[in-house]
Amino acid sequence: MEGSVLARIAAIVFVAIAITAALVEMGRDEEGQAVPPAAPLLPETDPLRAEQRRCQELGEAAASDPDCFAVWAETRDRFLGRDRTGGE
């Protein structure tokens, strides 16, 4: 191999290592510890979340469960920011 090809390969490897080191460093806080994941958006005591889990555990049977339809409608409305008291 030519010297210029080896120099290019070495430069690419060096840049890849530098980028990896920068990404690892950005994922740490001031004390050098890994940053913990963000807190969940909804509390674990949310009754809608418990019903979503129940419907998930039902599997295909959830498609014919009227309670699951109501859960999915409430989930959709929360996601879209709609107020369910206004109509439907």
N, C-alpha and C. Protein backbone atom coordinates (compact mmCIF):
# COMPACT_ATOMS: atom_id res chain seq x y z
N MET A 1 0.83 -1.19 0.00
CA MET A 1 0.00 0.00 0.00
C MET A 1 0.87 1.24 0.00
N GLU A 2 0.32 2.26 -0.57
CA GLU A 2 1.04 3.53 -0.60
C GLU A 2 0.95 4.22 0.75
N GLY A 3 1.88 5.10 0.98
CA GLY A 3 1.89 5.84 2.24
C GLY A 3 0.68 6.74 2.41
N SER A 4 0.18 7.31 1.30
CA SER A 4 -0.98 8.21 1.41
C SER A 4 -2.25 7.44 1.78
N VAL A 5 -2.37 6.21 1.31
CA VAL A 5 -3.53 5.38 1.65
C VAL A 5 -3.49 5.04 3.14
N LEU A 6 -2.32 4.68 3.65
CA LEU A 6 -2.19 4.38 5.06
C LEU A 6 -2.46 5.62 5.92
N ALA A 7 -2.02 6.78 5.46
CA ALA A 7 -2.27 8.02 6.19
C ALA A 7 -3.76 8.32 6.24
N ARG A 8 -4.46 8.09 5.14
CA ARG A 8 -5.92 8.32 5.11
C ARG A 8 -6.64 7.37 6.06
N ILE A 9 -6.24 6.10 6.04
CA ILE A 9 -6.87 5.11 6.93
C ILE A 9 -6.62 5.50 8.38
N ALA A 10 -5.40 5.91 8.70
CA ALA A 10 -5.08 6.31 10.06
C ALA A 10 -5.89 7.54 10.47
N ALA A 11 -6.08 8.48 9.56
CA ALA A 11 -6.86 9.68 9.86
C ALA A 11 -8.31 9.33 10.12
N ILE A 12 -8.85 8.42 9.32
CA ILE A 12 -10.26 8.00 9.50
C ILE A 12 -10.43 7.30 10.84
N VAL A 13 -9.50 6.43 11.20
CA VAL A 13 -9.57 5.73 12.48
C VAL A 13 -9.47 6.73 13.63
N PHE A 14 -8.56 7.70 13.51
CA PHE A 14 -8.40 8.71 14.55
C PHE A 14 -9.68 9.53 14.72
N VAL A 15 -10.30 9.96 13.62
CA VAL A 15 -11.54 10.74 13.70
C VAL A 15 -12.66 9.90 14.32
N ALA A 16 -12.75 8.63 13.94
CA ALA A 16 -13.78 7.76 14.51
C ALA A 16 -13.60 7.60 16.01
N ILE A 17 -12.38 7.43 16.47
CA ILE A 17 -12.11 7.31 17.90
C ILE A 17 -12.42 8.62 18.62
N ALA A 18 -12.07 9.74 18.02
CA ALA A 18 -12.35 11.04 18.63
C ALA A 18 -13.85 11.28 18.76
N ILE A 19 -14.61 10.95 17.73
CA ILE A 19 -16.07 11.13 17.78
C ILE A 19 -16.67 10.23 18.86
N THR A 20 -16.23 8.99 18.94
CA THR A 20 -16.74 8.06 19.96
C THR A 20 -16.43 8.58 21.36
N ALA A 21 -15.21 9.06 21.57
CA ALA A 21 -14.85 9.59 22.88
C ALA A 21 -15.68 10.82 23.23
N ALA A 22 -15.96 11.67 22.25
CA ALA A 22 -16.78 12.86 22.50
C ALA A 22 -18.21 12.47 22.86
N LEU A 23 -18.77 11.49 22.17
CA LEU A 23 -20.13 11.05 22.48
C LEU A 23 -20.22 10.43 23.86
N VAL A 24 -19.23 9.66 24.24
CA VAL A 24 -19.22 9.06 25.58
C VAL A 24 -19.13 10.15 26.63
N GLU A 25 -18.29 11.14 26.40
CA GLU A 25 -18.13 12.22 27.37
C GLU A 25 -19.39 13.07 27.49
N MET A 26 -20.11 13.27 26.39
CA MET A 26 -21.35 14.05 26.44
C MET A 26 -22.43 13.34 27.24
N GLY A 27 -22.32 12.03 27.36
CA GLY A 27 -23.31 11.25 28.09
C GLY A 27 -23.03 11.18 29.58
N ARG A 28 -22.10 11.97 30.09
CA ARG A 28 -21.76 11.96 31.51
C ARG A 28 -22.05 13.32 32.12
N ASP A 29 -22.32 13.31 33.44
CA ASP A 29 -22.52 14.58 34.14
C ASP A 29 -21.18 15.08 34.67
N GLU A 30 -21.19 16.12 35.51
CA GLU A 30 -19.95 16.74 35.99
C GLU A 30 -19.08 15.79 36.81
N GLU A 31 -19.68 14.87 37.56
CA GLU A 31 -18.91 13.97 38.40
C GLU A 31 -18.34 12.80 37.63
N GLY A 32 -18.63 12.71 36.35
CA GLY A 32 -18.10 11.62 35.55
C GLY A 32 -18.96 10.37 35.56
N GLN A 33 -20.13 10.45 36.16
CA GLN A 33 -21.03 9.32 36.19
C GLN A 33 -21.99 9.39 35.01
N ALA A 34 -22.47 8.25 34.59
CA ALA A 34 -23.44 8.23 33.50
C ALA A 34 -24.71 8.95 33.94
N VAL A 35 -25.31 9.67 33.03
CA VAL A 35 -26.53 10.41 33.34
C VAL A 35 -27.69 9.43 33.43
N PRO A 36 -28.47 9.46 34.53
CA PRO A 36 -29.59 8.53 34.65
C PRO A 36 -30.68 8.89 33.63
N PRO A 37 -31.47 7.91 33.21
CA PRO A 37 -32.54 8.20 32.26
C PRO A 37 -33.58 9.13 32.88
N ALA A 38 -34.30 9.81 32.03
CA ALA A 38 -35.31 10.77 32.49
C ALA A 38 -36.42 10.04 33.25
N ALA A 39 -37.05 10.75 34.15
CA ALA A 39 -38.17 10.18 34.91
C ALA A 39 -39.34 9.92 33.97
N PRO A 40 -40.17 8.94 34.27
CA PRO A 40 -41.32 8.66 33.42
C PRO A 40 -42.27 9.86 33.39
N LEU A 41 -42.94 10.04 32.28
CA LEU A 41 -43.84 11.17 32.11
C LEU A 41 -45.11 11.03 32.95
N LEU A 42 -45.59 9.82 33.08
CA LEU A 42 -46.81 9.59 33.85
C LEU A 42 -46.48 8.82 35.12
N PRO A 43 -47.15 9.10 36.21
CA PRO A 43 -46.90 8.32 37.42
C PRO A 43 -47.33 6.86 37.22
N GLU A 44 -46.70 5.97 37.95
CA GLU A 44 -47.01 4.55 37.84
C GLU A 44 -48.42 4.22 38.34
N THR A 45 -49.04 5.13 39.09
CA THR A 45 -50.36 4.85 39.65
C THR A 45 -51.48 5.30 38.70
N ASP A 46 -51.16 5.66 37.47
CA ASP A 46 -52.15 6.10 36.50
C ASP A 46 -53.07 4.92 36.15
N PRO A 47 -54.38 5.04 36.42
CA PRO A 47 -55.29 3.92 36.14
C PRO A 47 -55.38 3.59 34.65
N LEU A 48 -55.21 4.59 33.78
CA LEU A 48 -55.24 4.33 32.35
C LEU A 48 -54.08 3.41 31.96
N ARG A 49 -52.93 3.65 32.57
CA ARG A 49 -51.74 2.83 32.27
C ARG A 49 -51.99 1.37 32.68
N ALA A 50 -52.64 1.18 33.82
CA ALA A 50 -52.94 -0.18 34.26
C ALA A 50 -53.89 -0.87 33.28
N GLU A 51 -54.86 -0.13 32.78
CA GLU A 51 -55.81 -0.70 31.81
C GLU A 51 -55.11 -0.98 30.48
N GLN A 52 -54.18 -0.13 30.08
CA GLN A 52 -53.42 -0.39 28.87
C GLN A 52 -52.64 -1.70 29.00
N ARG A 53 -52.05 -1.91 30.16
CA ARG A 53 -51.32 -3.16 30.41
C ARG A 53 -52.26 -4.37 30.33
N ARG A 54 -53.45 -4.22 30.91
CA ARG A 54 -54.42 -5.31 30.88
C ARG A 54 -54.80 -5.66 29.45
N CYS A 55 -55.04 -4.63 28.64
CA CYS A 55 -55.40 -4.86 27.24
C CYS A 55 -54.23 -5.48 26.48
N GLN A 56 -53.02 -5.07 26.83
CA GLN A 56 -51.84 -5.63 26.18
C GLN A 56 -51.73 -7.13 26.49
N GLU A 57 -52.03 -7.49 27.72
CA GLU A 57 -51.94 -8.89 28.12
C GLU A 57 -53.04 -9.74 27.49
N LEU A 58 -54.16 -9.12 27.11
CA LEU A 58 -55.24 -9.86 26.46
C LEU A 58 -54.85 -10.32 25.06
N GLY A 59 -53.94 -9.60 24.44
CA GLY A 59 -53.51 -9.97 23.09
C GLY A 59 -54.62 -9.70 22.08
N GLU A 60 -54.87 -10.66 21.19
CA GLU A 60 -55.87 -10.48 20.14
C GLU A 60 -57.28 -10.35 20.70
N ALA A 61 -57.53 -10.90 21.87
CA ALA A 61 -58.86 -10.81 22.48
C ALA A 61 -59.22 -9.36 22.81
N ALA A 62 -58.24 -8.49 22.93
CA ALA A 62 -58.50 -7.08 23.24
C ALA A 62 -59.24 -6.39 22.10
N ALA A 63 -59.11 -6.93 20.89
CA ALA A 63 -59.78 -6.32 19.73
C ALA A 63 -61.30 -6.42 19.82
N SER A 64 -61.80 -7.33 20.64
CA SER A 64 -63.25 -7.46 20.79
C SER A 64 -63.72 -7.06 22.18
N ASP A 65 -62.85 -6.49 22.98
CA ASP A 65 -63.18 -6.08 24.34
C ASP A 65 -63.60 -4.60 24.35
N PRO A 66 -64.86 -4.30 24.72
CA PRO A 66 -65.31 -2.90 24.71
C PRO A 66 -64.55 -2.01 25.69
N ASP A 67 -64.08 -2.58 26.79
CA ASP A 67 -63.29 -1.79 27.74
C ASP A 67 -61.97 -1.35 27.12
N CYS A 68 -61.38 -2.22 26.31
CA CYS A 68 -60.13 -1.86 25.65
C CYS A 68 -60.36 -0.78 24.60
N PHE A 69 -61.50 -0.81 23.93
CA PHE A 69 -61.82 0.26 22.98
C PHE A 69 -61.87 1.60 23.70
N ALA A 70 -62.48 1.61 24.88
CA ALA A 70 -62.57 2.85 25.65
C ALA A 70 -61.18 3.31 26.11
N VAL A 71 -60.34 2.37 26.50
CA VAL A 71 -58.98 2.69 26.92
C VAL A 71 -58.20 3.29 25.75
N TRP A 72 -58.33 2.67 24.58
CA TRP A 72 -57.61 3.17 23.41
C TRP A 72 -58.11 4.55 23.01
N ALA A 73 -59.42 4.78 23.14
CA ALA A 73 -59.96 6.11 22.81
C ALA A 73 -59.42 7.16 23.78
N GLU A 74 -59.38 6.83 25.05
CA GLU A 74 -58.84 7.77 26.05
C GLU A 74 -57.36 8.04 25.80
N THR A 75 -56.61 6.99 25.47
CA THR A 75 -55.18 7.14 25.17
C THR A 75 -54.99 8.04 23.96
N ARG A 76 -55.77 7.81 22.92
CA ARG A 76 -55.68 8.63 21.71
C ARG A 76 -56.00 10.09 22.02
N ASP A 77 -57.05 10.31 22.81
CA ASP A 77 -57.44 11.68 23.13
C ASP A 77 -56.39 12.38 23.98
N ARG A 78 -55.78 11.66 24.92
CA ARG A 78 -54.70 12.26 25.71
C ARG A 78 -53.53 12.64 24.81
N PHE A 79 -53.20 11.74 23.89
CA PHE A 79 -52.07 12.00 23.00
C PHE A 79 -52.34 13.21 22.11
N LEU A 80 -53.55 13.33 21.62
CA LEU A 80 -53.90 14.43 20.73
C LEU A 80 -54.28 15.70 21.47
N GLY A 81 -54.39 15.62 22.79
CA GLY A 81 -54.72 16.80 23.59
C GLY A 81 -56.18 17.18 23.52
N ARG A 82 -57.03 16.22 23.22
CA ARG A 82 -58.47 16.50 23.14
C ARG A 82 -59.13 16.30 24.50
N ASP A 83 -60.22 17.05 24.71
CA ASP A 83 -61.00 16.93 25.93
C ASP A 83 -62.18 16.02 25.65
N ARG A 84 -62.25 14.90 26.36
CA ARG A 84 -63.33 13.93 26.11
C ARG A 84 -64.67 14.38 26.65
N THR A 85 -64.72 15.38 27.51
CA THR A 85 -65.99 15.82 28.06
C THR A 85 -66.78 16.66 27.07
N GLY A 86 -66.15 17.11 25.99
CA GLY A 86 -66.79 18.03 25.07
C GLY A 86 -67.69 17.41 24.03
N GLY A 87 -67.71 16.16 23.82
CA GLY A 87 -68.55 15.63 22.75
C GLY A 87 -68.33 14.17 22.52
N GLU A 88 -68.45 13.65 21.39
CA GLU A 88 -68.33 12.25 20.98
C GLU A 88 -69.45 11.43 21.40
